[in-house]
């Protein structure tokens, strides 16, 4: 995965062990249309931060990585908690 430092933008990658776990991929020729990746990561095996800037979720069927610092994650979770109180 190539990480590009851009203010307020976060990269991601999804790596599945087999195309068997892909439910749907939808990409249009129109740049204004949505792009959808759906699949099954399976049971979560491990979750943590890589180098403090990438949230990595490893599961039975694959790995999800998101360019997101620990501080940004904590801040987002705190806002979500406040919204539900």
N, C-alpha and C. Protein backbone atom coordinates (compact mmCIF):
# COMPACT_ATOMS: atom_id res chain seq x y z
N UNK A 1 0.86 -1.18 0.00
CA UNK A 1 0.00 0.00 0.00
C UNK A 1 0.89 1.23 0.00
N UNK A 2 0.59 2.19 -0.85
CA UNK A 2 1.33 3.44 -0.91
C UNK A 2 0.60 4.47 -0.07
N UNK A 3 1.32 5.10 0.86
CA UNK A 3 0.73 6.09 1.75
C UNK A 3 1.12 7.47 1.28
N UNK A 4 0.15 8.32 1.05
CA UNK A 4 0.37 9.69 0.62
C UNK A 4 -0.10 10.60 1.74
N UNK A 5 0.80 11.45 2.21
CA UNK A 5 0.45 12.37 3.30
C UNK A 5 -0.34 13.53 2.74
N UNK A 6 -1.61 13.58 3.05
CA UNK A 6 -2.48 14.68 2.64
C UNK A 6 -3.30 15.08 3.86
N UNK A 7 -3.44 16.36 4.07
CA UNK A 7 -4.19 16.84 5.22
C UNK A 7 -5.63 16.33 5.17
N UNK A 8 -6.06 15.71 6.27
CA UNK A 8 -7.43 15.23 6.45
C UNK A 8 -7.86 14.15 5.47
N UNK A 9 -6.92 13.50 4.80
CA UNK A 9 -7.24 12.38 3.93
C UNK A 9 -6.58 11.14 4.49
N UNK A 10 -7.26 10.02 4.41
CA UNK A 10 -6.74 8.78 4.97
C UNK A 10 -6.82 7.67 3.93
N UNK A 11 -5.69 7.03 3.68
CA UNK A 11 -5.67 5.91 2.76
C UNK A 11 -6.12 4.64 3.46
N UNK A 12 -6.39 3.60 2.68
CA UNK A 12 -6.77 2.31 3.25
C UNK A 12 -6.41 1.22 2.27
N UNK A 13 -6.32 0.00 2.78
CA UNK A 13 -6.19 -1.16 1.91
C UNK A 13 -6.94 -2.31 2.54
N UNK A 14 -7.45 -3.16 1.69
CA UNK A 14 -8.12 -4.38 2.13
C UNK A 14 -7.44 -5.51 1.38
N UNK A 15 -6.92 -6.46 2.11
CA UNK A 15 -6.25 -7.61 1.51
C UNK A 15 -6.96 -8.87 1.98
N UNK A 16 -7.62 -9.55 1.06
CA UNK A 16 -8.32 -10.79 1.40
C UNK A 16 -7.49 -11.98 0.93
N UNK A 17 -7.54 -13.06 1.68
CA UNK A 17 -6.73 -14.23 1.38
C UNK A 17 -7.22 -14.98 0.14
N UNK A 18 -8.47 -14.77 -0.23
CA UNK A 18 -9.04 -15.45 -1.39
C UNK A 18 -10.18 -14.61 -1.96
N UNK A 19 -10.39 -14.69 -3.27
CA UNK A 19 -11.53 -13.98 -3.86
C UNK A 19 -12.85 -14.59 -3.41
N UNK A 20 -12.80 -15.74 -2.77
CA UNK A 20 -13.98 -16.37 -2.20
C UNK A 20 -14.65 -15.47 -1.16
N UNK A 21 -13.86 -14.62 -0.51
CA UNK A 21 -14.37 -13.75 0.55
C UNK A 21 -14.85 -12.39 0.04
N UNK A 22 -14.75 -12.16 -1.26
CA UNK A 22 -15.24 -10.91 -1.85
C UNK A 22 -16.72 -11.07 -2.15
N UNK A 23 -17.49 -10.16 -1.62
CA UNK A 23 -18.93 -10.21 -1.88
C UNK A 23 -19.28 -9.40 -3.12
N UNK A 24 -18.74 -8.16 -3.19
CA UNK A 24 -19.07 -7.29 -4.32
C UNK A 24 -18.00 -6.22 -4.48
N UNK A 25 -17.67 -5.94 -5.74
CA UNK A 25 -16.81 -4.81 -6.09
C UNK A 25 -17.53 -4.07 -7.20
N UNK A 26 -17.74 -2.78 -7.00
CA UNK A 26 -18.46 -1.98 -7.97
C UNK A 26 -17.68 -0.72 -8.28
N UNK A 27 -17.27 -0.58 -9.54
CA UNK A 27 -16.53 0.60 -9.98
C UNK A 27 -17.15 1.06 -11.30
N UNK A 28 -17.48 2.32 -11.37
CA UNK A 28 -18.10 2.89 -12.56
C UNK A 28 -17.07 3.69 -13.35
N UNK A 29 -17.33 3.92 -14.61
CA UNK A 29 -16.49 4.79 -15.42
C UNK A 29 -16.70 6.26 -15.08
N UNK A 30 -17.83 6.57 -14.45
CA UNK A 30 -18.15 7.95 -14.08
C UNK A 30 -17.45 8.28 -12.76
N UNK A 31 -16.55 9.27 -12.75
CA UNK A 31 -15.80 9.59 -11.53
C UNK A 31 -16.68 10.09 -10.38
N UNK A 32 -17.92 10.48 -10.64
CA UNK A 32 -18.82 10.95 -9.59
C UNK A 32 -19.56 9.81 -8.92
N UNK A 33 -19.52 8.61 -9.48
CA UNK A 33 -20.23 7.47 -8.90
C UNK A 33 -19.46 6.88 -7.73
N UNK A 34 -20.17 6.21 -6.86
CA UNK A 34 -19.57 5.56 -5.69
C UNK A 34 -18.77 4.33 -6.11
N UNK A 35 -17.81 3.98 -5.29
CA UNK A 35 -17.04 2.75 -5.43
C UNK A 35 -17.32 1.91 -4.20
N UNK A 36 -17.64 0.65 -4.39
CA UNK A 36 -18.01 -0.21 -3.28
C UNK A 36 -17.11 -1.45 -3.26
N UNK A 37 -16.54 -1.73 -2.10
CA UNK A 37 -15.81 -2.97 -1.84
C UNK A 37 -16.51 -3.64 -0.68
N UNK A 38 -17.03 -4.82 -0.89
CA UNK A 38 -17.68 -5.56 0.18
C UNK A 38 -17.10 -6.96 0.23
N UNK A 39 -16.93 -7.45 1.44
CA UNK A 39 -16.42 -8.80 1.59
C UNK A 39 -16.54 -9.25 3.03
N UNK A 40 -15.80 -10.29 3.35
CA UNK A 40 -15.88 -10.89 4.68
C UNK A 40 -14.49 -11.04 5.25
N UNK A 41 -14.14 -10.21 6.24
CA UNK A 41 -12.85 -10.33 6.90
C UNK A 41 -12.81 -11.57 7.79
N UNK A 42 -13.94 -12.00 8.26
CA UNK A 42 -13.98 -13.16 9.15
C UNK A 42 -13.75 -12.75 10.60
N UNK A 43 -13.49 -13.73 11.44
CA UNK A 43 -13.30 -13.48 12.87
C UNK A 43 -12.04 -12.65 13.10
N UNK A 44 -12.16 -11.60 13.91
CA UNK A 44 -11.04 -10.72 14.23
C UNK A 44 -10.02 -11.50 15.05
N UNK A 45 -8.77 -11.49 14.60
CA UNK A 45 -7.69 -12.19 15.29
C UNK A 45 -6.80 -11.22 16.07
N UNK A 46 -6.57 -10.05 15.50
CA UNK A 46 -5.67 -9.08 16.12
C UNK A 46 -5.99 -7.69 15.59
N UNK A 47 -5.85 -6.71 16.47
CA UNK A 47 -6.10 -5.33 16.08
C UNK A 47 -5.05 -4.47 16.78
N UNK A 48 -4.48 -3.51 16.04
CA UNK A 48 -3.49 -2.65 16.67
C UNK A 48 -3.00 -1.58 15.73
N UNK A 49 -2.07 -0.79 16.25
CA UNK A 49 -1.50 0.30 15.48
C UNK A 49 -0.14 -0.13 14.93
N UNK A 50 0.15 0.22 13.68
CA UNK A 50 1.44 -0.03 13.06
C UNK A 50 2.16 1.32 12.97
N UNK A 51 3.30 1.41 13.61
CA UNK A 51 4.10 2.64 13.62
C UNK A 51 3.31 3.85 14.09
N UNK A 52 2.23 3.63 14.84
CA UNK A 52 1.44 4.72 15.40
C UNK A 52 0.60 5.49 14.42
N UNK A 53 0.61 5.10 13.15
CA UNK A 53 -0.14 5.87 12.14
C UNK A 53 -1.05 5.02 11.25
N UNK A 54 -1.09 3.71 11.48
CA UNK A 54 -1.93 2.84 10.66
C UNK A 54 -2.70 1.90 11.58
N UNK A 55 -4.02 1.97 11.53
CA UNK A 55 -4.85 1.01 12.25
C UNK A 55 -4.90 -0.26 11.40
N UNK A 56 -4.50 -1.38 11.97
CA UNK A 56 -4.49 -2.64 11.25
C UNK A 56 -5.39 -3.64 11.96
N UNK A 57 -6.33 -4.19 11.21
CA UNK A 57 -7.25 -5.20 11.74
C UNK A 57 -6.99 -6.48 10.97
N UNK A 58 -6.43 -7.47 11.66
CA UNK A 58 -6.16 -8.77 11.05
C UNK A 58 -7.28 -9.72 11.42
N UNK A 59 -7.79 -10.41 10.43
CA UNK A 59 -8.89 -11.34 10.65
C UNK A 59 -8.61 -12.65 9.93
N UNK A 60 -9.46 -13.61 10.13
CA UNK A 60 -9.27 -14.94 9.56
C UNK A 60 -9.15 -14.91 8.04
N UNK A 61 -9.90 -14.02 7.37
CA UNK A 61 -9.93 -14.01 5.91
C UNK A 61 -9.08 -12.91 5.27
N UNK A 62 -8.52 -12.01 6.07
CA UNK A 62 -7.73 -10.95 5.48
C UNK A 62 -7.40 -9.85 6.46
N UNK A 63 -6.87 -8.76 5.93
CA UNK A 63 -6.38 -7.65 6.74
C UNK A 63 -6.90 -6.33 6.19
N UNK A 64 -7.36 -5.47 7.08
CA UNK A 64 -7.79 -4.12 6.74
C UNK A 64 -6.81 -3.15 7.36
N UNK A 65 -6.26 -2.23 6.57
CA UNK A 65 -5.34 -1.21 7.07
C UNK A 65 -5.89 0.16 6.72
N UNK A 66 -5.86 1.07 7.70
CA UNK A 66 -6.36 2.43 7.50
C UNK A 66 -5.32 3.40 8.01
N UNK A 67 -4.95 4.35 7.17
CA UNK A 67 -4.00 5.41 7.52
C UNK A 67 -4.70 6.35 8.50
N UNK A 68 -4.52 6.07 9.80
CA UNK A 68 -5.25 6.79 10.85
C UNK A 68 -4.42 6.73 12.11
N UNK A 69 -4.05 7.89 12.62
CA UNK A 69 -3.22 7.90 13.83
C UNK A 69 -4.02 7.48 15.05
N UNK A 70 -3.32 7.07 16.08
CA UNK A 70 -3.98 6.67 17.32
C UNK A 70 -4.76 7.84 17.91
N UNK A 71 -4.20 9.04 17.84
CA UNK A 71 -4.88 10.23 18.37
C UNK A 71 -6.18 10.51 17.59
N UNK A 72 -6.14 10.39 16.27
CA UNK A 72 -7.35 10.60 15.47
C UNK A 72 -8.42 9.56 15.80
N UNK A 73 -8.00 8.33 16.01
CA UNK A 73 -8.94 7.27 16.37
C UNK A 73 -9.57 7.54 17.73
N UNK A 74 -8.75 7.90 18.72
CA UNK A 74 -9.27 8.21 20.05
C UNK A 74 -10.24 9.39 20.01
N UNK A 75 -9.90 10.42 19.25
CA UNK A 75 -10.75 11.60 19.13
C UNK A 75 -12.10 11.24 18.49
N UNK A 76 -12.06 10.46 17.42
CA UNK A 76 -13.29 10.06 16.74
C UNK A 76 -14.17 9.20 17.66
N UNK A 77 -13.55 8.29 18.41
CA UNK A 77 -14.32 7.45 19.33
C UNK A 77 -14.92 8.27 20.46
N UNK A 78 -14.19 9.27 20.94
CA UNK A 78 -14.71 10.14 22.00
C UNK A 78 -15.90 10.94 21.50
N UNK A 79 -15.83 11.46 20.26
CA UNK A 79 -16.96 12.20 19.69
C UNK A 79 -18.17 11.30 19.54
N UNK A 80 -17.94 10.07 19.08
CA UNK A 80 -19.03 9.12 18.90
C UNK A 80 -19.70 8.80 20.24
N UNK A 81 -18.89 8.64 21.28
CA UNK A 81 -19.41 8.36 22.61
C UNK A 81 -20.26 9.52 23.11
N UNK A 82 -19.81 10.75 22.88
CA UNK A 82 -20.57 11.94 23.30
C UNK A 82 -21.90 12.03 22.56
N UNK A 83 -21.91 11.64 21.29
CA UNK A 83 -23.15 11.70 20.50
C UNK A 83 -24.19 10.70 20.97
N UNK A 84 -23.76 9.61 21.61
CA UNK A 84 -24.70 8.58 22.03
C UNK A 84 -25.18 8.77 23.45
N UNK A 85 -24.58 9.70 24.19
CA UNK A 85 -24.98 9.93 25.58
C UNK A 85 -26.19 10.83 25.65
